N, C-alpha and C. Protein backbone atom coordinates (compact mmCIF):
# COMPACT_ATOMS: atom_id res chain seq x y z
N MET A 1 -2.71 -2.50 -11.04
CA MET A 1 -4.02 -2.27 -10.45
C MET A 1 -5.12 -2.31 -11.50
N LYS A 2 -4.82 -1.84 -12.70
CA LYS A 2 -5.84 -1.83 -13.75
C LYS A 2 -6.35 -3.24 -14.01
N LYS A 3 -5.44 -4.22 -14.02
CA LYS A 3 -5.85 -5.60 -14.27
C LYS A 3 -6.76 -6.10 -13.15
N ILE A 4 -6.42 -5.75 -11.91
CA ILE A 4 -7.22 -6.15 -10.77
C ILE A 4 -8.64 -5.61 -10.91
N LEU A 5 -8.73 -4.30 -11.20
CA LEU A 5 -10.04 -3.68 -11.32
C LEU A 5 -10.82 -4.24 -12.50
N SER A 6 -10.14 -4.53 -13.61
CA SER A 6 -10.82 -5.09 -14.77
C SER A 6 -11.43 -6.45 -14.44
N PHE A 7 -10.66 -7.29 -13.72
CA PHE A 7 -11.18 -8.58 -13.29
C PHE A 7 -12.39 -8.39 -12.39
N CYS A 8 -12.31 -7.40 -11.52
CA CYS A 8 -13.41 -7.15 -10.59
C CYS A 8 -14.68 -6.76 -11.33
N PHE A 9 -14.55 -5.96 -12.38
CA PHE A 9 -15.73 -5.54 -13.13
C PHE A 9 -16.39 -6.74 -13.81
N LEU A 10 -15.57 -7.66 -14.30
CA LEU A 10 -16.14 -8.86 -14.90
C LEU A 10 -16.89 -9.66 -13.84
N SER A 11 -16.35 -9.66 -12.63
CA SER A 11 -17.02 -10.36 -11.54
C SER A 11 -18.35 -9.71 -11.21
N VAL A 12 -18.35 -8.38 -11.21
CA VAL A 12 -19.56 -7.65 -10.85
C VAL A 12 -20.66 -7.89 -11.88
N ILE A 13 -20.25 -8.11 -13.13
CA ILE A 13 -21.24 -8.39 -14.17
C ILE A 13 -22.01 -9.66 -13.82
N LEU A 14 -21.28 -10.64 -13.27
CA LEU A 14 -21.89 -11.92 -12.93
C LEU A 14 -22.55 -11.91 -11.56
N ILE A 15 -21.95 -11.15 -10.65
CA ILE A 15 -22.44 -11.15 -9.27
C ILE A 15 -22.60 -9.71 -8.81
N THR A 16 -23.78 -9.33 -8.40
CA THR A 16 -24.01 -7.97 -7.95
C THR A 16 -23.09 -7.64 -6.78
N GLY A 17 -22.33 -6.58 -6.90
CA GLY A 17 -21.41 -6.19 -5.84
C GLY A 17 -20.91 -4.79 -6.04
N CYS A 18 -20.10 -4.32 -5.11
CA CYS A 18 -19.55 -2.98 -5.16
C CYS A 18 -18.06 -3.04 -4.88
N LEU A 19 -17.25 -2.53 -5.78
CA LEU A 19 -15.80 -2.65 -5.67
C LEU A 19 -15.17 -1.42 -5.04
N ASN A 20 -14.24 -1.64 -4.15
CA ASN A 20 -13.45 -0.56 -3.56
C ASN A 20 -12.00 -1.01 -3.49
N TYR A 21 -11.08 -0.07 -3.65
CA TYR A 21 -9.65 -0.38 -3.62
C TYR A 21 -8.97 0.65 -2.72
N THR A 22 -8.22 0.17 -1.73
CA THR A 22 -7.48 1.07 -0.84
C THR A 22 -6.02 0.65 -0.80
N GLN A 23 -5.14 1.62 -0.95
CA GLN A 23 -3.70 1.38 -0.94
C GLN A 23 -3.08 2.27 0.14
N ASN A 24 -2.51 1.65 1.17
CA ASN A 24 -1.85 2.39 2.25
C ASN A 24 -0.34 2.22 2.11
N THR A 25 0.37 3.32 2.00
CA THR A 25 1.81 3.26 1.74
C THR A 25 2.59 4.18 2.67
N VAL A 26 3.72 3.69 3.16
CA VAL A 26 4.66 4.50 3.93
C VAL A 26 5.93 4.64 3.12
N ILE A 27 6.40 5.87 2.95
CA ILE A 27 7.67 6.11 2.26
C ILE A 27 8.66 6.68 3.26
N TYR A 28 9.75 5.93 3.50
CA TYR A 28 10.76 6.36 4.45
C TYR A 28 11.75 7.32 3.78
N PRO A 29 12.56 8.04 4.58
CA PRO A 29 13.49 9.03 4.03
C PRO A 29 14.44 8.50 2.96
N ASP A 30 14.81 7.21 3.03
CA ASP A 30 15.74 6.65 2.06
C ASP A 30 15.05 6.11 0.81
N GLY A 31 13.72 6.27 0.71
CA GLY A 31 13.00 5.82 -0.48
C GLY A 31 12.41 4.44 -0.35
N SER A 32 12.75 3.72 0.72
CA SER A 32 12.17 2.40 0.96
C SER A 32 10.79 2.58 1.59
N GLY A 33 10.08 1.47 1.79
CA GLY A 33 8.77 1.62 2.42
C GLY A 33 7.97 0.34 2.48
N GLU A 34 6.73 0.49 2.87
CA GLU A 34 5.80 -0.63 2.98
C GLU A 34 4.46 -0.24 2.40
N MET A 35 3.74 -1.23 1.88
CA MET A 35 2.44 -0.99 1.27
C MET A 35 1.46 -2.07 1.67
N GLN A 36 0.26 -1.65 2.02
CA GLN A 36 -0.82 -2.58 2.30
C GLN A 36 -1.97 -2.28 1.34
N ILE A 37 -2.39 -3.28 0.62
CA ILE A 37 -3.48 -3.13 -0.34
C ILE A 37 -4.68 -3.93 0.13
N ASN A 38 -5.83 -3.32 0.04
CA ASN A 38 -7.07 -4.02 0.38
C ASN A 38 -8.11 -3.66 -0.67
N TYR A 39 -8.64 -4.65 -1.35
CA TYR A 39 -9.78 -4.39 -2.24
C TYR A 39 -10.89 -5.36 -1.88
N TRP A 40 -12.11 -4.88 -2.03
CA TRP A 40 -13.24 -5.69 -1.60
C TRP A 40 -14.50 -5.36 -2.40
N MET A 41 -15.43 -6.27 -2.35
CA MET A 41 -16.71 -6.06 -3.02
C MET A 41 -17.82 -6.66 -2.17
N LYS A 42 -18.99 -6.10 -2.30
CA LYS A 42 -20.15 -6.61 -1.57
C LYS A 42 -20.81 -7.73 -2.36
N TYR A 43 -21.47 -8.61 -1.65
CA TYR A 43 -22.25 -9.64 -2.33
C TYR A 43 -23.69 -9.56 -1.82
N SER A 44 -24.62 -9.89 -2.68
CA SER A 44 -26.03 -9.79 -2.32
C SER A 44 -26.61 -11.13 -1.84
N ASP A 45 -25.87 -12.21 -2.17
CA ASP A 45 -26.37 -13.54 -1.82
C ASP A 45 -25.22 -14.35 -1.25
N SER A 46 -25.38 -14.87 -0.04
CA SER A 46 -24.31 -15.62 0.62
C SER A 46 -23.89 -16.85 -0.16
N SER A 47 -24.77 -17.36 -1.00
CA SER A 47 -24.44 -18.55 -1.78
C SER A 47 -23.41 -18.25 -2.86
N SER A 48 -23.18 -16.95 -3.14
CA SER A 48 -22.22 -16.57 -4.18
C SER A 48 -20.81 -16.39 -3.64
N VAL A 49 -20.62 -16.45 -2.31
CA VAL A 49 -19.32 -16.20 -1.70
C VAL A 49 -18.25 -17.16 -2.20
N SER A 50 -18.57 -18.45 -2.23
CA SER A 50 -17.57 -19.44 -2.67
C SER A 50 -17.18 -19.20 -4.11
N THR A 51 -18.13 -18.77 -4.95
CA THR A 51 -17.83 -18.47 -6.35
C THR A 51 -16.88 -17.28 -6.46
N ILE A 52 -17.14 -16.24 -5.66
CA ILE A 52 -16.30 -15.04 -5.69
C ILE A 52 -14.88 -15.37 -5.23
N LEU A 53 -14.76 -16.14 -4.15
CA LEU A 53 -13.44 -16.48 -3.62
C LEU A 53 -12.64 -17.35 -4.56
N ASN A 54 -13.30 -17.99 -5.53
CA ASN A 54 -12.60 -18.81 -6.51
C ASN A 54 -12.15 -18.01 -7.73
N LEU A 55 -12.56 -16.74 -7.79
CA LEU A 55 -12.12 -15.89 -8.90
C LEU A 55 -10.63 -15.58 -8.74
N GLU A 56 -9.97 -15.29 -9.86
CA GLU A 56 -8.52 -15.01 -9.81
C GLU A 56 -8.16 -13.89 -8.86
N ILE A 57 -8.99 -12.85 -8.82
CA ILE A 57 -8.64 -11.68 -8.01
C ILE A 57 -8.69 -11.96 -6.52
N PHE A 58 -9.30 -13.06 -6.11
CA PHE A 58 -9.36 -13.41 -4.70
C PHE A 58 -8.63 -14.73 -4.40
N ASN A 59 -7.94 -15.26 -5.38
CA ASN A 59 -7.18 -16.48 -5.21
C ASN A 59 -5.74 -16.13 -4.80
N PRO A 60 -5.29 -16.51 -3.60
CA PRO A 60 -3.96 -16.14 -3.12
C PRO A 60 -2.82 -16.47 -4.09
N ASP A 61 -2.88 -17.62 -4.76
CA ASP A 61 -1.82 -17.99 -5.71
C ASP A 61 -1.81 -17.04 -6.91
N SER A 62 -2.99 -16.71 -7.42
CA SER A 62 -3.08 -15.79 -8.55
C SER A 62 -2.63 -14.38 -8.15
N ILE A 63 -3.01 -13.98 -6.94
CA ILE A 63 -2.61 -12.66 -6.44
C ILE A 63 -1.09 -12.59 -6.32
N ARG A 64 -0.48 -13.67 -5.81
CA ARG A 64 0.97 -13.70 -5.64
C ARG A 64 1.69 -13.53 -6.98
N LYS A 65 1.16 -14.14 -8.02
CA LYS A 65 1.76 -14.01 -9.35
C LYS A 65 1.70 -12.56 -9.84
N GLU A 66 0.61 -11.89 -9.52
CA GLU A 66 0.43 -10.50 -9.97
C GLU A 66 1.34 -9.54 -9.22
N PHE A 67 1.67 -9.87 -7.96
CA PHE A 67 2.43 -8.93 -7.12
C PHE A 67 3.86 -9.37 -6.83
N SER A 68 4.28 -10.52 -7.35
CA SER A 68 5.65 -10.99 -7.10
C SER A 68 6.65 -10.21 -7.94
N SER A 69 7.82 -9.96 -7.35
CA SER A 69 8.90 -9.27 -8.04
C SER A 69 10.20 -9.59 -7.32
N GLY A 70 11.28 -9.64 -8.08
CA GLY A 70 12.57 -9.92 -7.48
C GLY A 70 13.11 -8.74 -6.70
N PHE A 71 12.42 -7.59 -6.79
CA PHE A 71 12.90 -6.37 -6.14
C PHE A 71 12.02 -5.92 -4.97
N THR A 72 10.97 -6.70 -4.70
CA THR A 72 10.08 -6.40 -3.57
C THR A 72 9.80 -7.69 -2.80
N THR A 73 9.25 -7.54 -1.61
CA THR A 73 8.94 -8.70 -0.77
C THR A 73 7.47 -8.71 -0.39
N ILE A 74 6.80 -9.83 -0.65
CA ILE A 74 5.42 -9.99 -0.22
C ILE A 74 5.43 -10.55 1.19
N LYS A 75 4.92 -9.81 2.14
CA LYS A 75 4.91 -10.23 3.53
C LYS A 75 3.69 -11.09 3.85
N ASN A 76 2.57 -10.80 3.19
CA ASN A 76 1.35 -11.54 3.51
C ASN A 76 0.30 -11.35 2.43
N ILE A 77 -0.48 -12.40 2.19
CA ILE A 77 -1.63 -12.34 1.27
C ILE A 77 -2.77 -13.11 1.91
N THR A 78 -3.92 -12.46 2.02
CA THR A 78 -5.10 -13.14 2.57
C THR A 78 -6.33 -12.78 1.75
N ALA A 79 -7.25 -13.71 1.69
CA ALA A 79 -8.55 -13.47 1.05
C ALA A 79 -9.61 -14.09 1.95
N TYR A 80 -10.68 -13.35 2.20
CA TYR A 80 -11.68 -13.85 3.13
C TYR A 80 -13.02 -13.14 2.91
N SER A 81 -14.06 -13.71 3.49
CA SER A 81 -15.39 -13.10 3.44
C SER A 81 -15.76 -12.64 4.84
N ASP A 82 -16.56 -11.59 4.90
CA ASP A 82 -17.02 -11.03 6.17
C ASP A 82 -18.53 -10.96 6.14
N SER A 83 -19.16 -11.85 6.88
CA SER A 83 -20.62 -11.93 6.87
C SER A 83 -21.28 -10.75 7.58
N THR A 84 -20.52 -10.03 8.42
CA THR A 84 -21.12 -8.92 9.17
C THR A 84 -21.53 -7.77 8.26
N ASP A 85 -20.80 -7.58 7.14
CA ASP A 85 -21.18 -6.52 6.20
C ASP A 85 -21.32 -7.04 4.77
N SER A 86 -21.36 -8.37 4.62
CA SER A 86 -21.55 -9.01 3.30
C SER A 86 -20.51 -8.57 2.29
N THR A 87 -19.25 -8.73 2.65
CA THR A 87 -18.17 -8.34 1.75
C THR A 87 -17.15 -9.47 1.60
N VAL A 88 -16.42 -9.42 0.51
CA VAL A 88 -15.30 -10.33 0.26
C VAL A 88 -14.06 -9.47 0.07
N HIS A 89 -12.97 -9.82 0.76
CA HIS A 89 -11.76 -9.00 0.76
C HIS A 89 -10.53 -9.76 0.27
N ALA A 90 -9.56 -8.97 -0.21
CA ALA A 90 -8.22 -9.47 -0.50
C ALA A 90 -7.24 -8.46 0.09
N ASN A 91 -6.27 -8.94 0.86
CA ASN A 91 -5.25 -8.08 1.46
C ASN A 91 -3.87 -8.52 0.99
N ILE A 92 -3.04 -7.54 0.62
CA ILE A 92 -1.66 -7.82 0.21
C ILE A 92 -0.73 -6.86 0.95
N ASP A 93 0.29 -7.40 1.63
CA ASP A 93 1.29 -6.58 2.32
C ASP A 93 2.62 -6.71 1.60
N ILE A 94 3.19 -5.58 1.24
CA ILE A 94 4.44 -5.56 0.46
C ILE A 94 5.48 -4.68 1.13
N LYS A 95 6.73 -5.11 1.05
CA LYS A 95 7.85 -4.31 1.53
C LYS A 95 8.77 -4.05 0.34
N PHE A 96 9.20 -2.80 0.17
CA PHE A 96 10.07 -2.49 -0.99
C PHE A 96 11.29 -1.69 -0.55
N SER A 97 12.40 -1.94 -1.25
CA SER A 97 13.67 -1.27 -0.92
C SER A 97 13.74 0.13 -1.50
N HIS A 98 12.97 0.38 -2.57
CA HIS A 98 12.88 1.71 -3.16
C HIS A 98 11.58 1.83 -3.93
N VAL A 99 10.99 3.00 -3.90
CA VAL A 99 9.69 3.23 -4.55
C VAL A 99 9.69 2.76 -6.00
N ASP A 100 10.76 3.08 -6.75
CA ASP A 100 10.80 2.73 -8.17
C ASP A 100 10.69 1.23 -8.42
N SER A 101 11.08 0.41 -7.43
CA SER A 101 11.03 -1.04 -7.61
C SER A 101 9.59 -1.55 -7.72
N LEU A 102 8.61 -0.75 -7.31
CA LEU A 102 7.22 -1.15 -7.43
C LEU A 102 6.80 -1.28 -8.90
N ASN A 103 7.52 -0.62 -9.79
CA ASN A 103 7.22 -0.70 -11.22
C ASN A 103 7.50 -2.09 -11.79
N THR A 104 8.25 -2.92 -11.07
CA THR A 104 8.56 -4.26 -11.56
C THR A 104 7.44 -5.25 -11.22
N ILE A 105 6.44 -4.79 -10.47
CA ILE A 105 5.30 -5.64 -10.13
C ILE A 105 4.29 -5.61 -11.27
N LYS A 106 3.88 -6.78 -11.71
CA LYS A 106 2.97 -6.90 -12.85
C LYS A 106 1.68 -6.11 -12.67
N ALA A 107 1.11 -6.17 -11.48
CA ALA A 107 -0.15 -5.47 -11.22
C ALA A 107 0.00 -3.95 -11.31
N PHE A 108 1.25 -3.46 -11.19
CA PHE A 108 1.50 -2.01 -11.25
C PHE A 108 2.18 -1.61 -12.55
N SER A 109 2.02 -2.38 -13.60
CA SER A 109 2.73 -2.14 -14.85
C SER A 109 2.43 -0.77 -15.46
N GLN A 110 1.28 -0.18 -15.12
CA GLN A 110 0.93 1.12 -15.68
C GLN A 110 0.91 2.23 -14.63
N SER A 111 1.39 1.95 -13.44
CA SER A 111 1.28 2.92 -12.35
C SER A 111 2.37 3.99 -12.35
N LYS A 112 3.48 3.73 -13.01
CA LYS A 112 4.55 4.73 -13.17
C LYS A 112 4.99 5.37 -11.85
N PHE A 113 5.37 4.54 -10.88
CA PHE A 113 5.90 5.06 -9.63
C PHE A 113 7.21 5.78 -9.91
N LEU A 114 7.39 6.95 -9.30
CA LEU A 114 8.61 7.71 -9.54
C LEU A 114 8.98 8.53 -8.30
N LEU A 115 10.23 8.42 -7.88
CA LEU A 115 10.76 9.24 -6.80
C LEU A 115 12.05 9.87 -7.33
N GLU A 116 12.01 11.16 -7.53
CA GLU A 116 13.15 11.85 -8.14
C GLU A 116 13.55 13.07 -7.32
N ASP A 117 14.77 13.57 -7.59
CA ASP A 117 15.26 14.76 -6.89
C ASP A 117 14.52 15.99 -7.36
N GLY A 118 14.23 16.87 -6.42
CA GLY A 118 13.61 18.14 -6.74
C GLY A 118 14.59 19.26 -6.45
N ALA A 119 14.11 20.33 -5.84
CA ALA A 119 14.99 21.43 -5.44
C ALA A 119 15.94 20.90 -4.37
N SER A 120 16.87 21.75 -3.95
CA SER A 120 17.90 21.33 -3.00
C SER A 120 17.31 20.63 -1.78
N GLY A 121 17.69 19.35 -1.60
CA GLY A 121 17.26 18.58 -0.45
C GLY A 121 15.84 18.06 -0.51
N GLN A 122 15.17 18.27 -1.65
CA GLN A 122 13.78 17.85 -1.78
C GLN A 122 13.62 16.66 -2.72
N LYS A 123 12.52 15.92 -2.54
CA LYS A 123 12.18 14.79 -3.39
C LYS A 123 10.78 15.00 -3.95
N ILE A 124 10.55 14.47 -5.15
CA ILE A 124 9.23 14.54 -5.76
C ILE A 124 8.75 13.12 -6.03
N PHE A 125 7.62 12.76 -5.42
CA PHE A 125 7.04 11.43 -5.64
C PHE A 125 5.78 11.56 -6.47
N SER A 126 5.58 10.57 -7.37
CA SER A 126 4.35 10.55 -8.16
C SER A 126 3.95 9.12 -8.49
N GLN A 127 2.66 8.92 -8.70
CA GLN A 127 2.09 7.64 -9.11
C GLN A 127 0.94 7.92 -10.05
N PHE A 128 0.87 7.19 -11.14
CA PHE A 128 -0.21 7.36 -12.11
C PHE A 128 -1.34 6.38 -11.81
N ILE A 129 -2.56 6.89 -11.81
CA ILE A 129 -3.74 6.03 -11.64
C ILE A 129 -4.35 5.84 -13.03
N PRO A 130 -4.19 4.67 -13.62
CA PRO A 130 -4.67 4.45 -14.99
C PRO A 130 -6.19 4.41 -15.06
N PRO A 131 -6.75 4.76 -16.22
CA PRO A 131 -8.21 4.72 -16.38
C PRO A 131 -8.71 3.28 -16.44
N VAL A 132 -9.95 3.10 -16.07
CA VAL A 132 -10.58 1.78 -16.11
C VAL A 132 -11.90 1.91 -16.84
N ALA A 133 -12.05 1.16 -17.92
CA ALA A 133 -13.30 1.21 -18.68
C ALA A 133 -14.34 0.37 -17.97
N THR A 134 -15.43 1.02 -17.55
CA THR A 134 -16.47 0.28 -16.84
C THR A 134 -17.40 -0.43 -17.84
N GLY A 135 -18.24 0.31 -18.52
CA GLY A 135 -19.13 -0.28 -19.52
C GLY A 135 -20.10 -1.28 -18.92
N PHE A 136 -20.75 -2.04 -19.77
CA PHE A 136 -21.69 -3.08 -19.36
C PHE A 136 -22.76 -2.55 -18.40
N GLY A 137 -23.05 -1.25 -18.48
CA GLY A 137 -24.08 -0.67 -17.63
C GLY A 137 -23.64 -0.46 -16.19
N ILE A 138 -22.34 -0.64 -15.92
CA ILE A 138 -21.83 -0.47 -14.57
C ILE A 138 -21.56 1.01 -14.32
N GLU A 139 -22.05 1.55 -13.23
CA GLU A 139 -21.87 2.95 -12.90
C GLU A 139 -20.56 3.17 -12.17
N GLY A 140 -19.64 3.91 -12.81
CA GLY A 140 -18.33 4.17 -12.21
C GLY A 140 -18.41 4.95 -10.92
N SER A 141 -19.49 5.70 -10.71
CA SER A 141 -19.62 6.50 -9.50
C SER A 141 -19.81 5.63 -8.26
N LYS A 142 -20.15 4.36 -8.45
CA LYS A 142 -20.39 3.45 -7.32
C LYS A 142 -19.12 2.78 -6.83
N TYR A 143 -18.03 2.99 -7.52
CA TYR A 143 -16.77 2.35 -7.17
C TYR A 143 -15.75 3.41 -6.77
N ARG A 144 -14.91 3.07 -5.83
CA ARG A 144 -13.98 4.07 -5.31
C ARG A 144 -12.59 3.49 -5.11
N VAL A 145 -11.58 4.32 -5.42
CA VAL A 145 -10.18 3.96 -5.17
C VAL A 145 -9.61 5.01 -4.22
N THR A 146 -8.85 4.55 -3.24
CA THR A 146 -8.28 5.45 -2.24
C THR A 146 -6.80 5.13 -2.05
N TYR A 147 -5.99 6.18 -2.06
CA TYR A 147 -4.54 6.03 -1.88
C TYR A 147 -4.13 6.86 -0.67
N ASN A 148 -3.66 6.18 0.37
CA ASN A 148 -3.18 6.85 1.58
C ASN A 148 -1.67 6.75 1.64
N TYR A 149 -1.01 7.87 1.78
CA TYR A 149 0.46 7.90 1.87
C TYR A 149 0.91 8.59 3.14
N ASN A 150 1.79 7.92 3.87
CA ASN A 150 2.45 8.52 5.01
C ASN A 150 3.87 8.86 4.57
N ILE A 151 4.15 10.15 4.48
CA ILE A 151 5.44 10.62 3.98
C ILE A 151 6.33 11.00 5.16
N ARG A 152 7.49 10.33 5.27
CA ARG A 152 8.41 10.64 6.35
C ARG A 152 9.31 11.81 5.94
N GLY A 153 8.72 12.98 5.98
CA GLY A 153 9.46 14.17 5.61
C GLY A 153 8.55 15.39 5.70
N GLU A 154 9.13 16.55 5.48
CA GLU A 154 8.37 17.80 5.49
C GLU A 154 7.69 17.98 4.13
N ILE A 155 6.38 18.01 4.13
CA ILE A 155 5.63 18.11 2.88
C ILE A 155 5.63 19.57 2.39
N ILE A 156 6.08 19.76 1.16
CA ILE A 156 6.17 21.11 0.58
C ILE A 156 4.93 21.43 -0.24
N THR A 157 4.63 20.60 -1.24
CA THR A 157 3.44 20.77 -2.07
C THR A 157 2.83 19.39 -2.35
N HIS A 158 1.54 19.38 -2.69
CA HIS A 158 0.87 18.11 -3.00
C HIS A 158 -0.44 18.40 -3.73
N ASN A 159 -1.01 17.39 -4.36
CA ASN A 159 -2.32 17.55 -5.00
C ASN A 159 -3.33 16.56 -4.41
N ALA A 160 -3.11 16.19 -3.13
CA ALA A 160 -4.00 15.24 -2.45
C ALA A 160 -5.38 15.84 -2.23
N THR A 161 -6.37 14.99 -2.07
CA THR A 161 -7.72 15.45 -1.78
C THR A 161 -7.90 15.72 -0.29
N ASN A 162 -6.96 15.22 0.53
CA ASN A 162 -7.03 15.47 1.97
C ASN A 162 -5.64 15.33 2.58
N LYS A 163 -5.34 16.16 3.57
CA LYS A 163 -4.03 16.12 4.25
C LYS A 163 -4.24 16.24 5.74
N SER A 164 -3.53 15.39 6.49
CA SER A 164 -3.54 15.46 7.94
C SER A 164 -2.13 15.17 8.43
N GLY A 165 -1.41 16.22 8.79
CA GLY A 165 -0.02 16.05 9.18
C GLY A 165 0.81 15.52 8.02
N ASN A 166 1.45 14.39 8.22
CA ASN A 166 2.25 13.78 7.16
C ASN A 166 1.48 12.73 6.38
N ASN A 167 0.18 12.66 6.61
CA ASN A 167 -0.67 11.69 5.91
C ASN A 167 -1.45 12.38 4.79
N LEU A 168 -1.28 11.86 3.58
CA LEU A 168 -1.97 12.40 2.42
C LEU A 168 -2.93 11.35 1.87
N THR A 169 -4.09 11.80 1.42
CA THR A 169 -5.09 10.89 0.87
C THR A 169 -5.58 11.40 -0.48
N TRP A 170 -5.61 10.48 -1.44
CA TRP A 170 -6.22 10.74 -2.74
C TRP A 170 -7.37 9.75 -2.88
N SER A 171 -8.59 10.24 -3.04
CA SER A 171 -9.75 9.35 -3.12
C SER A 171 -10.63 9.77 -4.29
N TYR A 172 -10.91 8.81 -5.19
CA TYR A 172 -11.68 9.12 -6.39
C TYR A 172 -12.67 8.01 -6.72
N SER A 173 -13.77 8.40 -7.32
CA SER A 173 -14.65 7.41 -7.93
C SER A 173 -14.02 7.11 -9.29
N LEU A 174 -14.41 6.02 -9.92
CA LEU A 174 -13.83 5.69 -11.22
C LEU A 174 -14.22 6.72 -12.26
N ASP A 175 -15.37 7.36 -12.09
CA ASP A 175 -15.77 8.44 -13.00
C ASP A 175 -14.81 9.62 -12.90
N GLU A 176 -14.37 9.91 -11.68
CA GLU A 176 -13.47 11.04 -11.45
C GLU A 176 -12.08 10.78 -12.02
N ILE A 177 -11.68 9.52 -12.09
CA ILE A 177 -10.36 9.19 -12.65
C ILE A 177 -10.30 9.54 -14.13
N GLY A 178 -11.41 9.33 -14.82
CA GLY A 178 -11.46 9.67 -16.25
C GLY A 178 -10.39 8.97 -17.05
N ARG A 179 -9.57 9.74 -17.75
CA ARG A 179 -8.50 9.17 -18.57
C ARG A 179 -7.23 8.90 -17.77
N GLY A 180 -7.34 9.04 -16.48
CA GLY A 180 -6.18 8.78 -15.62
C GLY A 180 -5.81 10.01 -14.82
N LYS A 181 -5.22 9.79 -13.67
CA LYS A 181 -4.78 10.89 -12.82
C LYS A 181 -3.37 10.60 -12.30
N THR A 182 -2.62 11.66 -12.04
CA THR A 182 -1.30 11.50 -11.44
C THR A 182 -1.31 12.14 -10.06
N ILE A 183 -1.02 11.35 -9.05
CA ILE A 183 -0.92 11.89 -7.70
C ILE A 183 0.54 12.25 -7.46
N SER A 184 0.78 13.35 -6.76
CA SER A 184 2.17 13.77 -6.56
C SER A 184 2.34 14.56 -5.27
N VAL A 185 3.55 14.51 -4.76
CA VAL A 185 3.90 15.26 -3.55
C VAL A 185 5.38 15.61 -3.59
N THR A 186 5.69 16.84 -3.21
CA THR A 186 7.08 17.28 -3.07
C THR A 186 7.37 17.39 -1.58
N PHE A 187 8.45 16.78 -1.13
CA PHE A 187 8.74 16.80 0.30
C PHE A 187 10.25 16.83 0.55
N LYS A 188 10.59 17.20 1.75
CA LYS A 188 11.98 17.21 2.18
C LYS A 188 12.15 16.09 3.20
N PRO A 189 12.82 14.99 2.82
CA PRO A 189 12.94 13.82 3.71
C PRO A 189 13.58 14.19 5.05
N TYR A 190 13.06 13.58 6.10
CA TYR A 190 13.69 13.76 7.40
C TYR A 190 15.09 13.15 7.34
N LYS A 191 16.02 13.76 8.04
CA LYS A 191 17.38 13.24 8.06
C LYS A 191 17.44 11.97 8.89
N LEU A 192 18.22 11.01 8.41
CA LEU A 192 18.42 9.76 9.16
C LEU A 192 19.42 10.06 10.27
N LYS A 193 18.89 10.23 11.47
CA LYS A 193 19.73 10.64 12.60
C LYS A 193 20.64 9.51 13.07
N GLU A 194 21.82 9.91 13.51
CA GLU A 194 22.75 8.94 14.08
C GLU A 194 22.28 8.58 15.49
N THR A 195 22.65 7.40 15.95
CA THR A 195 22.27 6.98 17.30
C THR A 195 22.96 7.87 18.32
N PRO A 196 22.21 8.51 19.23
CA PRO A 196 22.82 9.40 20.22
C PRO A 196 23.82 8.66 21.10
N MET A 197 24.88 9.39 21.53
CA MET A 197 25.93 8.78 22.32
C MET A 197 25.41 8.22 23.64
N TRP A 198 24.36 8.87 24.21
CA TRP A 198 23.87 8.40 25.51
C TRP A 198 23.28 6.99 25.42
N ILE A 199 22.81 6.61 24.21
CA ILE A 199 22.28 5.26 24.04
C ILE A 199 23.39 4.23 24.25
N TYR A 200 24.57 4.52 23.67
CA TYR A 200 25.71 3.61 23.81
C TYR A 200 26.17 3.56 25.27
N ILE A 201 26.18 4.71 25.95
CA ILE A 201 26.62 4.77 27.34
C ILE A 201 25.68 3.96 28.22
N LEU A 202 24.37 4.13 27.98
CA LEU A 202 23.37 3.40 28.77
C LEU A 202 23.49 1.90 28.54
N ALA A 203 23.64 1.50 27.25
CA ALA A 203 23.76 0.09 26.92
C ALA A 203 25.01 -0.52 27.56
N GLY A 204 26.10 0.25 27.54
CA GLY A 204 27.35 -0.21 28.13
C GLY A 204 27.23 -0.38 29.63
N SER A 205 26.54 0.56 30.28
CA SER A 205 26.35 0.50 31.73
C SER A 205 25.54 -0.73 32.13
N VAL A 206 24.46 -0.98 31.37
CA VAL A 206 23.62 -2.15 31.65
C VAL A 206 24.42 -3.43 31.49
N LEU A 207 25.24 -3.49 30.42
CA LEU A 207 26.05 -4.68 30.17
C LEU A 207 27.04 -4.92 31.30
N LEU A 208 27.68 -3.84 31.79
CA LEU A 208 28.63 -3.96 32.89
C LEU A 208 27.95 -4.46 34.16
N MET A 209 26.72 -3.96 34.41
CA MET A 209 25.97 -4.39 35.59
C MET A 209 25.65 -5.88 35.52
N VAL A 210 25.25 -6.34 34.32
CA VAL A 210 24.93 -7.74 34.14
C VAL A 210 26.15 -8.61 34.39
N ILE A 211 27.30 -8.20 33.84
CA ILE A 211 28.55 -8.94 34.03
C ILE A 211 28.94 -8.98 35.49
N PHE A 212 28.77 -7.83 36.18
CA PHE A 212 29.12 -7.74 37.61
C PHE A 212 28.30 -8.73 38.44
N PHE A 213 26.98 -8.77 38.19
CA PHE A 213 26.12 -9.66 38.97
C PHE A 213 26.38 -11.13 38.64
N LEU A 214 26.73 -11.42 37.39
CA LEU A 214 27.05 -12.80 37.01
C LEU A 214 28.30 -13.28 37.73
N ILE A 215 29.32 -12.40 37.79
CA ILE A 215 30.58 -12.75 38.47
C ILE A 215 30.32 -12.94 39.96
N LYS A 216 29.54 -12.04 40.55
CA LYS A 216 29.22 -12.10 41.98
C LYS A 216 28.48 -13.39 42.31
N LYS A 217 27.54 -13.77 41.42
CA LYS A 217 26.75 -14.98 41.64
C LYS A 217 27.63 -16.21 41.63
N ARG A 218 28.62 -16.24 40.71
CA ARG A 218 29.54 -17.38 40.65
C ARG A 218 30.37 -17.49 41.92
N LYS A 219 30.80 -16.36 42.45
CA LYS A 219 31.61 -16.36 43.66
C LYS A 219 30.81 -16.86 44.85
N ASP A 220 29.52 -16.51 44.88
CA ASP A 220 28.65 -16.96 45.98
C ASP A 220 28.41 -18.47 45.89
């Protein structure tokens, strides 16, 4: 993510805009999950849109190189402009077999994803948000990063800025990140329930009914 934001700041130097980064992640009980990333910036002049979309951070091929890994799957990558609010966006959808595999993604080289055992039956998840040097007269307070996590388990402790049920949110301006922040949550994963017996009975009954009507139809 640091590389993405650094590229964005260089873009902002050339083209007046405002950068935002949102990461939506679901972590399932077995440690697997899905992630949707959206980052965008405003533009002040419609004539600059084509220039922005040609930058590496909005080029689908360049984005794929940054997020490709042999241990994760990229489901979708899109880049587009929205004239209704004068913004340019990049969206990346990722599926991962385990949280730790996100560390193999180049764009997350400094994010330090970690899912480890805690107290009995508990897990501790953490992610590091690396610092980003703004400089060049760019005000870090104008840029924001947001991390939304849906945790499939009973949440025990967390340091999120907002919580709603099993949804945790960490939202910071780049000034607030400072030298970096670590987001963390301790939770007790929901148990992976076995399929109830009545499901098999119902499925079997339906199958028998289908077979019965097929045989009857042939006889007719």
